[in-house]
Amino acid sequence: MSQLETAMGMIIAVFDKYAKADGNRQALTKAELKTLLEKELPNFISSGKDKDAIDKVFKNLDENGDSQVDFKEFVIFVSALTCCCHKYFELDAAK
C-alpha cells in the first residue's frame, strides 16, 4: 500500500476503534470523542487547560446537530487540523 492509502486506512481504523465503544460504529458520542482526542491527539487537546475544550470541539464537529460525530464530520476535522499543521510547518520552515 502507498503512504496515502495507509494513512486513509489508519484514519478509518482510529474512528472505528473509538466509535464502537457504545455499540454504534457509525458515530462518536461526546465521551468517545473525548477519549479519542485524549489518546490520539494528546498534544492538541489538553483537558487540564480548558475544561470546555471537548464541548467546544464536539459542538463544532456535530455539523448536523444529532449529538454525534459521524465519520464525515470526523474526516472534516482531521482534514482541517492537518491543514493547520501544514500551514504551521510551512511558516516554521520559512524562518
PDB file of N, CA and C in Angstrom:
ATOM      1  N   MET A   1       0.835  -1.185   0.000  1.00  0.00           N
ATOM      2  CA  MET A   1       0.000   0.000   0.000  1.00  0.00           C
ATOM      3  C   MET A   1       0.880   1.249   0.000  1.00  0.00           C
ATOM      4  N   SER A   2       0.382   2.295  -0.627  1.00  0.00           N
ATOM      5  CA  SER A   2       1.105   3.565  -0.641  1.00  0.00           C
ATOM      6  C   SER A   2       0.971   4.237   0.730  1.00  0.00           C
ATOM      7  N   GLN A   3       1.759   5.276   0.958  1.00  0.00           N
ATOM      8  CA  GLN A   3       1.681   6.004   2.226  1.00  0.00           C
ATOM      9  C   GLN A   3       0.303   6.639   2.412  1.00  0.00           C
ATOM     10  N   LEU A   4      -0.253   7.187   1.324  1.00  0.00           N
ATOM     11  CA  LEU A   4      -1.567   7.818   1.430  1.00  0.00           C
ATOM     12  C   LEU A   4      -2.650   6.784   1.720  1.00  0.00           C
ATOM     13  N   GLU A   5      -2.592   5.644   1.061  1.00  0.00           N
ATOM     14  CA  GLU A   5      -3.570   4.574   1.327  1.00  0.00           C
ATOM     15  C   GLU A   5      -3.456   4.095   2.766  1.00  0.00           C
ATOM     16  N   THR A   6      -2.240   3.985   3.265  1.00  0.00           N
ATOM     17  CA  THR A   6      -2.022   3.580   4.656  1.00  0.00           C
ATOM     18  C   THR A   6      -2.606   4.614   5.606  1.00  0.00           C
ATOM     19  N   ALA A   7      -2.370   5.893   5.319  1.00  0.00           N
ATOM     20  CA  ALA A   7      -2.902   6.965   6.167  1.00  0.00           C
ATOM     21  C   ALA A   7      -4.429   6.941   6.182  1.00  0.00           C
ATOM     22  N   MET A   8      -5.038   6.735   5.022  1.00  0.00           N
ATOM     23  CA  MET A   8      -6.501   6.670   4.948  1.00  0.00           C
ATOM     24  C   MET A   8      -7.026   5.494   5.774  1.00  0.00           C
ATOM     25  N   GLY A   9      -6.372   4.369   5.661  1.00  0.00           N
ATOM     26  CA  GLY A   9      -6.759   3.190   6.436  1.00  0.00           C
ATOM     27  C   GLY A   9      -6.632   3.425   7.929  1.00  0.00           C
ATOM     28  N   MET A  10      -5.604   4.162   8.318  1.00  0.00           N
ATOM     29  CA  MET A  10      -5.400   4.452   9.738  1.00  0.00           C
ATOM     30  C   MET A  10      -6.485   5.389  10.273  1.00  0.00           C
ATOM     31  N   ILE A  11      -6.902   6.356   9.474  1.00  0.00           N
ATOM     32  CA  ILE A  11      -7.982   7.259   9.900  1.00  0.00           C
ATOM     33  C   ILE A  11      -9.263   6.465  10.121  1.00  0.00           C
ATOM     34  N   ILE A  12      -9.556   5.570   9.198  1.00  0.00           N
ATOM     35  CA  ILE A  12     -10.750   4.718   9.337  1.00  0.00           C
ATOM     36  C   ILE A  12     -10.638   3.847  10.582  1.00  0.00           C
ATOM     37  N   ALA A  13      -9.474   3.228  10.786  1.00  0.00           N
ATOM     38  CA  ALA A  13      -9.268   2.333  11.931  1.00  0.00           C
ATOM     39  C   ALA A  13      -9.403   3.072  13.259  1.00  0.00           C
ATOM     40  N   VAL A  14      -8.863   4.279  13.339  1.00  0.00           N
ATOM     41  CA  VAL A  14      -8.955   5.059  14.579  1.00  0.00           C
ATOM     42  C   VAL A  14     -10.409   5.409  14.864  1.00  0.00           C
ATOM     43  N   PHE A  15     -11.125   5.884  13.854  1.00  0.00           N
ATOM     44  CA  PHE A  15     -12.544   6.202  14.045  1.00  0.00           C
ATOM     45  C   PHE A  15     -13.301   4.966  14.533  1.00  0.00           C
ATOM     46  N   ASP A  16     -13.124   3.843  13.851  1.00  0.00           N
ATOM     47  CA  ASP A  16     -13.841   2.616  14.210  1.00  0.00           C
ATOM     48  C   ASP A  16     -13.504   2.144  15.621  1.00  0.00           C
ATOM     49  N   LYS A  17     -12.239   2.276  16.000  1.00  0.00           N
ATOM     50  CA  LYS A  17     -11.797   1.835  17.336  1.00  0.00           C
ATOM     51  C   LYS A  17     -12.573   2.549  18.444  1.00  0.00           C
ATOM     52  N   TYR A  18     -12.767   3.835  18.297  1.00  0.00           N
ATOM     53  CA  TYR A  18     -13.436   4.614  19.348  1.00  0.00           C
ATOM     54  C   TYR A  18     -14.951   4.658  19.184  1.00  0.00           C
ATOM     55  N   ALA A  19     -15.447   4.612  17.948  1.00  0.00           N
ATOM     56  CA  ALA A  19     -16.892   4.681  17.712  1.00  0.00           C
ATOM     57  C   ALA A  19     -17.619   3.444  18.216  1.00  0.00           C
ATOM     58  N   LYS A  20     -16.950   2.319  18.254  1.00  0.00           N
ATOM     59  CA  LYS A  20     -17.631   1.071  18.637  1.00  0.00           C
ATOM     60  C   LYS A  20     -17.818   0.916  20.145  1.00  0.00           C
ATOM     61  N   ALA A  21     -17.271   1.816  20.933  1.00  0.00           N
ATOM     62  CA  ALA A  21     -17.340   1.667  22.390  1.00  0.00           C
ATOM     63  C   ALA A  21     -18.769   1.548  22.911  1.00  0.00           C
ATOM     64  N   ASP A  22     -19.712   2.295  22.310  1.00  0.00           N
ATOM     65  CA  ASP A  22     -21.104   2.223  22.773  1.00  0.00           C
ATOM     66  C   ASP A  22     -21.963   1.306  21.913  1.00  0.00           C
ATOM     67  N   GLY A  23     -21.330   0.622  20.973  1.00  0.00           N
ATOM     68  CA  GLY A  23     -22.062  -0.307  20.117  1.00  0.00           C
ATOM     69  C   GLY A  23     -22.473   0.270  18.775  1.00  0.00           C
ATOM     70  N   ASN A  24     -22.430   1.589  18.622  1.00  0.00           N
ATOM     71  CA  ASN A  24     -22.781   2.228  17.351  1.00  0.00           C
ATOM     72  C   ASN A  24     -21.486   2.585  16.622  1.00  0.00           C
ATOM     73  N   ARG A  25     -21.153   1.804  15.627  1.00  0.00           N
ATOM     74  CA  ARG A  25     -19.897   2.014  14.899  1.00  0.00           C
ATOM     75  C   ARG A  25     -19.983   3.161  13.890  1.00  0.00           C
ATOM     76  N   GLN A  26     -21.145   3.754  13.736  1.00  0.00           N
ATOM     77  CA  GLN A  26     -21.345   4.787  12.718  1.00  0.00           C
ATOM     78  C   GLN A  26     -21.028   6.199  13.198  1.00  0.00           C
ATOM     79  N   ALA A  27     -20.919   6.393  14.522  1.00  0.00           N
ATOM     80  CA  ALA A  27     -20.716   7.742  15.037  1.00  0.00           C
ATOM     81  C   ALA A  27     -20.040   7.705  16.398  1.00  0.00           C
ATOM     82  N   LEU A  28     -19.429   8.839  16.731  1.00  0.00           N
ATOM     83  CA  LEU A  28     -18.786   9.016  18.033  1.00  0.00           C
ATOM     84  C   LEU A  28     -19.708   9.808  18.951  1.00  0.00           C
ATOM     85  N   THR A  29     -19.864   9.337  20.174  1.00  0.00           N
ATOM     86  CA  THR A  29     -20.547  10.128  21.192  1.00  0.00           C
ATOM     87  C   THR A  29     -19.539  11.156  21.720  1.00  0.00           C
ATOM     88  N   LYS A  30     -20.003  12.072  22.556  1.00  0.00           N
ATOM     89  CA  LYS A  30     -19.082  13.050  23.140  1.00  0.00           C
ATOM     90  C   LYS A  30     -18.007  12.341  23.979  1.00  0.00           C
ATOM     91  N   ALA A  31     -18.406  11.333  24.738  1.00  0.00           N
ATOM     92  CA  ALA A  31     -17.441  10.591  25.568  1.00  0.00           C
ATOM     93  C   ALA A  31     -16.411   9.867  24.698  1.00  0.00           C
ATOM     94  N   GLU A  32     -16.872   9.266  23.601  1.00  0.00           N
ATOM     95  CA  GLU A  32     -15.946   8.571  22.693  1.00  0.00           C
ATOM     96  C   GLU A  32     -14.988   9.559  22.036  1.00  0.00           C
ATOM     97  N   LEU A  33     -15.509  10.718  21.626  1.00  0.00           N
ATOM     98  CA  LEU A  33     -14.655  11.735  21.019  1.00  0.00           C
ATOM     99  C   LEU A  33     -13.620  12.221  22.022  1.00  0.00           C
ATOM    100  N   LYS A  34     -14.030  12.429  23.258  1.00  0.00           N
ATOM    101  CA  LYS A  34     -13.105  12.870  24.311  1.00  0.00           C
ATOM    102  C   LYS A  34     -11.973  11.866  24.466  1.00  0.00           C
ATOM    103  N   THR A  35     -12.299  10.579  24.536  1.00  0.00           N
ATOM    104  CA  THR A  35     -11.280   9.543  24.666  1.00  0.00           C
ATOM    105  C   THR A  35     -10.361   9.528  23.454  1.00  0.00           C
ATOM    106  N   LEU A  36     -10.938   9.621  22.263  1.00  0.00           N
ATOM    107  CA  LEU A  36     -10.148   9.637  21.028  1.00  0.00           C
ATOM    108  C   LEU A  36      -9.167  10.804  21.041  1.00  0.00           C
ATOM    109  N   LEU A  37      -9.645  12.002  21.355  1.00  0.00           N
ATOM    110  CA  LEU A  37      -8.784  13.183  21.348  1.00  0.00           C
ATOM    111  C   LEU A  37      -7.680  13.075  22.396  1.00  0.00           C
ATOM    112  N   GLU A  38      -8.024  12.585  23.575  1.00  0.00           N
ATOM    113  CA  GLU A  38      -7.027  12.450  24.643  1.00  0.00           C
ATOM    114  C   GLU A  38      -5.964  11.411  24.308  1.00  0.00           C
ATOM    115  N   LYS A  39      -6.364  10.324  23.664  1.00  0.00           N
ATOM    116  CA  LYS A  39      -5.419   9.238  23.354  1.00  0.00           C
ATOM    117  C   LYS A  39      -4.662   9.467  22.053  1.00  0.00           C
ATOM    118  N   GLU A  40      -5.345   9.967  21.030  1.00  0.00           N
ATOM    119  CA  GLU A  40      -4.751  10.065  19.698  1.00  0.00           C
ATOM    120  C   GLU A  40      -4.161  11.443  19.379  1.00  0.00           C
ATOM    121  N   LEU A  41      -4.634  12.484  20.055  1.00  0.00           N
ATOM    122  CA  LEU A  41      -4.132  13.840  19.816  1.00  0.00           C
ATOM    123  C   LEU A  41      -3.799  14.540  21.137  1.00  0.00           C
ATOM    124  N   PRO A  42      -2.979  13.906  21.965  1.00  0.00           N
ATOM    125  CA  PRO A  42      -2.716  14.476  23.290  1.00  0.00           C
ATOM    126  C   PRO A  42      -2.002  15.823  23.238  1.00  0.00           C
ATOM    127  N   ASN A  43      -1.282  16.111  22.174  1.00  0.00           N
ATOM    128  CA  ASN A  43      -0.562  17.382  22.066  1.00  0.00           C
ATOM    129  C   ASN A  43      -1.454  18.527  21.583  1.00  0.00           C
ATOM    130  N   PHE A  44      -2.645  18.201  21.094  1.00  0.00           N
ATOM    131  CA  PHE A  44      -3.562  19.227  20.596  1.00  0.00           C
ATOM    132  C   PHE A  44      -4.651  19.560  21.606  1.00  0.00           C
ATOM    133  N   ILE A  45      -5.020  18.582  22.410  1.00  0.00           N
ATOM    134  CA  ILE A  45      -6.083  18.779  23.397  1.00  0.00           C
ATOM    135  C   ILE A  45      -5.506  18.465  24.773  1.00  0.00           C
ATOM    136  N   SER A  46      -5.532  19.449  25.623  1.00  0.00           N
ATOM    137  CA  SER A  46      -5.079  19.254  26.993  1.00  0.00           C
ATOM    138  C   SER A  46      -6.270  19.502  27.904  1.00  0.00           C
ATOM    139  N   SER A  47      -6.848  18.425  28.403  1.00  0.00           N
ATOM    140  CA  SER A  47      -8.083  18.546  29.179  1.00  0.00           C
ATOM    141  C   SER A  47      -7.912  19.377  30.444  1.00  0.00           C
ATOM    142  N   GLY A  48      -6.706  19.480  30.951  1.00  0.00           N
ATOM    143  CA  GLY A  48      -6.489  20.254  32.162  1.00  0.00           C
ATOM    144  C   GLY A  48      -6.498  21.755  31.939  1.00  0.00           C
ATOM    145  N   LYS A  49      -6.169  22.206  30.752  1.00  0.00           N
ATOM    146  CA  LYS A  49      -6.048  23.641  30.492  1.00  0.00           C
ATOM    147  C   LYS A  49      -7.395  24.302  30.193  1.00  0.00           C
ATOM    148  N   ASP A  50      -8.234  23.655  29.434  1.00  0.00           N
ATOM    149  CA  ASP A  50      -9.525  24.242  29.062  1.00  0.00           C
ATOM    150  C   ASP A  50     -10.592  23.179  29.247  1.00  0.00           C
ATOM    151  N   LYS A  51     -11.296  23.277  30.346  1.00  0.00           N
ATOM    152  CA  LYS A  51     -12.279  22.243  30.681  1.00  0.00           C
ATOM    153  C   LYS A  51     -13.428  22.178  29.677  1.00  0.00           C
ATOM    154  N   ASP A  52     -13.650  23.253  28.945  1.00  0.00           N
ATOM    155  CA  ASP A  52     -14.728  23.280  27.959  1.00  0.00           C
ATOM    156  C   ASP A  52     -14.249  22.918  26.548  1.00  0.00           C
ATOM    157  N   ALA A  53     -12.979  22.599  26.400  1.00  0.00           N
ATOM    158  CA  ALA A  53     -12.410  22.357  25.066  1.00  0.00           C
ATOM    159  C   ALA A  53     -13.139  21.229  24.335  1.00  0.00           C
ATOM    160  N   ILE A  54     -13.382  20.125  25.009  1.00  0.00           N
ATOM    161  CA  ILE A  54     -14.050  18.985  24.364  1.00  0.00           C
ATOM    162  C   ILE A  54     -15.460  19.367  23.938  1.00  0.00           C
ATOM    163  N   ASP A  55     -16.173  20.080  24.809  1.00  0.00           N
ATOM    164  CA  ASP A  55     -17.530  20.520  24.463  1.00  0.00           C
ATOM    165  C   ASP A  55     -17.520  21.425  23.239  1.00  0.00           C
ATOM    166  N   LYS A  56     -16.556  22.331  23.191  1.00  0.00           N
ATOM    167  CA  LYS A  56     -16.449  23.240  22.048  1.00  0.00           C
ATOM    168  C   LYS A  56     -16.136  22.479  20.763  1.00  0.00           C
ATOM    169  N   VAL A  57     -15.182  21.564  20.838  1.00  0.00           N
ATOM    170  CA  VAL A  57     -14.819  20.766  19.657  1.00  0.00           C
ATOM    171  C   VAL A  57     -16.024  19.952  19.202  1.00  0.00           C
ATOM    172  N   PHE A  58     -16.688  19.296  20.145  1.00  0.00           N
ATOM    173  CA  PHE A  58     -17.845  18.460  19.804  1.00  0.00           C
ATOM    174  C   PHE A  58     -18.938  19.287  19.132  1.00  0.00           C
ATOM    175  N   LYS A  59     -19.246  20.436  19.712  1.00  0.00           N
ATOM    176  CA  LYS A  59     -20.303  21.293  19.152  1.00  0.00           C
ATOM    177  C   LYS A  59     -19.950  21.720  17.732  1.00  0.00           C
ATOM    178  N   ASN A  60     -18.688  22.066  17.501  1.00  0.00           N
ATOM    179  CA  ASN A  60     -18.256  22.481  16.169  1.00  0.00           C
ATOM    180  C   ASN A  60     -18.247  21.330  15.167  1.00  0.00           C
ATOM    181  N   LEU A  61     -17.946  20.140  15.628  1.00  0.00           N
ATOM    182  CA  LEU A  61     -17.895  18.991  14.719  1.00  0.00           C
ATOM    183  C   LEU A  61     -19.271  18.458  14.367  1.00  0.00           C
ATOM    184  N   ASP A  62     -20.201  18.553  15.297  1.00  0.00           N
ATOM    185  CA  ASP A  62     -21.541  17.992  15.092  1.00  0.00           C
ATOM    186  C   ASP A  62     -22.335  18.889  14.147  1.00  0.00           C
ATOM    187  N   GLU A  63     -21.948  18.826  12.894  1.00  0.00           N
ATOM    188  CA  GLU A  63     -22.500  19.702  11.860  1.00  0.00           C
ATOM    189  C   GLU A  63     -24.014  19.586  11.699  1.00  0.00           C
ATOM    190  N   ASN A  64     -24.543  18.374  11.818  1.00  0.00           N
ATOM    191  CA  ASN A  64     -25.979  18.176  11.590  1.00  0.00           C
ATOM    192  C   ASN A  64     -26.805  18.214  12.885  1.00  0.00           C
ATOM    193  N   GLY A  65     -26.159  18.458  14.021  1.00  0.00           N
ATOM    194  CA  GLY A  65     -26.877  18.635  15.280  1.00  0.00           C
ATOM    195  C   GLY A  65     -27.516  17.398  15.863  1.00  0.00           C
ATOM    196  N   ASP A  66     -26.991  16.213  15.534  1.00  0.00           N
ATOM    197  CA  ASP A  66     -27.596  14.985  16.049  1.00  0.00           C
ATOM    198  C   ASP A  66     -26.926  14.465  17.327  1.00  0.00           C
ATOM    199  N   SER A  67     -26.083  15.276  17.939  1.00  0.00           N
ATOM    200  CA  SER A  67     -25.373  14.934  19.179  1.00  0.00           C
ATOM    201  C   SER A  67     -24.414  13.759  19.014  1.00  0.00           C
ATOM    202  N   GLN A  68     -23.951  13.574  17.798  1.00  0.00           N
ATOM    203  CA  GLN A  68     -22.952  12.560  17.486  1.00  0.00           C
ATOM    204  C   GLN A  68     -22.035  13.128  16.407  1.00  0.00           C
ATOM    205  N   VAL A  69     -20.827  12.583  16.335  1.00  0.00           N
ATOM    206  CA  VAL A  69     -19.902  12.955  15.272  1.00  0.00           C
ATOM    207  C   VAL A  69     -19.767  11.746  14.359  1.00  0.00           C
ATOM    208  N   ASP A  70     -20.319  11.865  13.145  1.00  0.00           N
ATOM    209  CA  ASP A  70     -20.227  10.744  12.208  1.00  0.00           C
ATOM    210  C   ASP A  70     -18.880  10.784  11.485  1.00  0.00           C
ATOM    211  N   PHE A  71     -18.633   9.795  10.655  1.00  0.00           N
ATOM    212  CA  PHE A  71     -17.325   9.675  10.006  1.00  0.00           C
ATOM    213  C   PHE A  71     -17.020  10.884   9.126  1.00  0.00           C
ATOM    214  N   LYS A  72     -18.007  11.381   8.400  1.00  0.00           N
ATOM    215  CA  LYS A  72     -17.786  12.546   7.542  1.00  0.00           C
ATOM    216  C   LYS A  72     -17.365  13.752   8.373  1.00  0.00           C
ATOM    217  N   GLU A  73     -18.048  13.987   9.472  1.00  0.00           N
ATOM    218  CA  GLU A  73     -17.718  15.107  10.345  1.00  0.00           C
ATOM    219  C   GLU A  73     -16.313  14.932  10.931  1.00  0.00           C
ATOM    220  N   PHE A  74     -15.963  13.703  11.278  1.00  0.00           N
ATOM    221  CA  PHE A  74     -14.636  13.397  11.821  1.00  0.00           C
ATOM    222  C   PHE A  74     -13.549  13.652  10.778  1.00  0.00           C
ATOM    223  N   VAL A  75     -13.781  13.232   9.546  1.00  0.00           N
ATOM    224  CA  VAL A  75     -12.795  13.424   8.483  1.00  0.00           C
ATOM    225  C   VAL A  75     -12.600  14.913   8.184  1.00  0.00           C
ATOM    226  N   ILE A  76     -13.663  15.684   8.220  1.00  0.00           N
ATOM    227  CA  ILE A  76     -13.550  17.129   8.024  1.00  0.00           C
ATOM    228  C   ILE A  76     -12.650  17.718   9.121  1.00  0.00           C
ATOM    229  N   PHE A  77     -12.829  17.275  10.354  1.00  0.00           N
ATOM    230  CA  PHE A  77     -11.993  17.724  11.469  1.00  0.00           C
ATOM    231  C   PHE A  77     -10.528  17.352  11.242  1.00  0.00           C
ATOM    232  N   VAL A  78     -10.279  16.109  10.891  1.00  0.00           N
ATOM    233  CA  VAL A  78      -8.900  15.653  10.659  1.00  0.00           C
ATOM    234  C   VAL A  78      -8.273  16.447   9.511  1.00  0.00           C
ATOM    235  N   SER A  79      -9.032  16.677   8.466  1.00  0.00           N
ATOM    236  CA  SER A  79      -8.527  17.445   7.321  1.00  0.00           C
ATOM    237  C   SER A  79      -8.200  18.884   7.717  1.00  0.00           C
ATOM    238  N   ALA A  80      -9.090  19.516   8.455  1.00  0.00           N
ATOM    239  CA  ALA A  80      -8.860  20.901   8.880  1.00  0.00           C
ATOM    240  C   ALA A  80      -7.649  20.991   9.801  1.00  0.00           C
ATOM    241  N   LEU A  81      -7.531  20.050  10.720  1.00  0.00           N
ATOM    242  CA  LEU A  81      -6.390  20.035  11.625  1.00  0.00           C
ATOM    243  C   LEU A  81      -5.093  19.802  10.858  1.00  0.00           C
ATOM    244  N   THR A  82      -5.130  18.935   9.861  1.00  0.00           N
ATOM    245  CA  THR A  82      -3.961  18.666   9.024  1.00  0.00           C
ATOM    246  C   THR A  82      -3.560  19.911   8.239  1.00  0.00           C
ATOM    247  N   CYS A  83      -4.537  20.639   7.723  1.00  0.00           N
ATOM    248  CA  CYS A  83      -4.251  21.899   7.013  1.00  0.00           C
ATOM    249  C   CYS A  83      -3.582  22.907   7.938  1.00  0.00           C
ATOM    250  N   CYS A  84      -4.055  23.014   9.160  1.00  0.00           N
ATOM    251  CA  CYS A  84      -3.451  23.932  10.126  1.00  0.00           C
ATOM    252  C   CYS A  84      -2.010  23.527  10.433  1.00  0.00           C
ATOM    253  N   CYS A  85      -1.782  22.238  10.591  1.00  0.00           N
ATOM    254  CA  CYS A  85      -0.420  21.749  10.848  1.00  0.00           C
ATOM    255  C   CYS A  85       0.489  22.040   9.657  1.00  0.00           C
ATOM    256  N   HIS A  86      -0.020  21.830   8.464  1.00  0.00           N
ATOM    257  CA  HIS A  86       0.762  22.082   7.259  1.00  0.00           C
ATOM    258  C   HIS A  86       1.166  23.554   7.198  1.00  0.00           C
ATOM    259  N   LYS A  87       0.217  24.433   7.458  1.00  0.00           N
ATOM    260  CA  LYS A  87       0.497  25.865   7.430  1.00  0.00           C
ATOM    261  C   LYS A  87       1.526  26.231   8.501  1.00  0.00           C
ATOM    262  N   TYR A  88       1.377  25.668   9.687  1.00  0.00           N
ATOM    263  CA  TYR A  88       2.325  25.931  10.770  1.00  0.00           C
ATOM    264  C   TYR A  88       3.738  25.509  10.377  1.00  0.00           C
ATOM    265  N   PHE A  89       3.879  24.326   9.812  1.00  0.00           N
ATOM    266  CA  PHE A  89       5.205  23.827   9.437  1.00  0.00           C
ATOM    267  C   PHE A  89       5.800  24.614   8.266  1.00  0.00           C
ATOM    268  N   GLU A  90       4.944  25.106   7.377  1.00  0.00           N
ATOM    269  CA  GLU A  90       5.427  25.969   6.292  1.00  0.00           C
ATOM    270  C   GLU A  90       5.982  27.269   6.856  1.00  0.00           C
ATOM    271  N   LEU A  91       5.249  27.871   7.796  1.00  0.00           N
ATOM    272  CA  LEU A  91       5.702  29.110   8.405  1.00  0.00           C
ATOM    273  C   LEU A  91       6.969  28.881   9.223  1.00  0.00           C
ATOM    274  N   ASP A  92       7.034  27.766   9.912  1.00  0.00           N
ATOM    275  CA  ASP A  92       8.201  27.431  10.720  1.00  0.00           C
ATOM    276  C   ASP A  92       9.421  27.216   9.847  1.00  0.00           C
ATOM    277  N   ALA A  93       9.250  26.587   8.700  1.00  0.00           N
ATOM    278  CA  ALA A  93      10.351  26.313   7.774  1.00  0.00           C
ATOM    279  C   ALA A  93      10.856  27.600   7.120  1.00  0.00           C
ATOM    280  N   ALA A  94       9.972  28.580   7.000  1.00  0.00           N
ATOM    281  CA  ALA A  94      10.351  29.849   6.345  1.00  0.00           C
ATOM    282  C   ALA A  94      11.227  30.725   7.241  1.00  0.00           C
ATOM    283  N   LYS A  95      11.252  30.415   8.521  1.00  0.00           N
ATOM    284  CA  LYS A  95      12.040  31.222   9.470  1.00  0.00           C
ATOM    285  C   LYS A  95      13.530  31.027   9.284  1.00  0.00           C
TER     286      LYS A  95
END
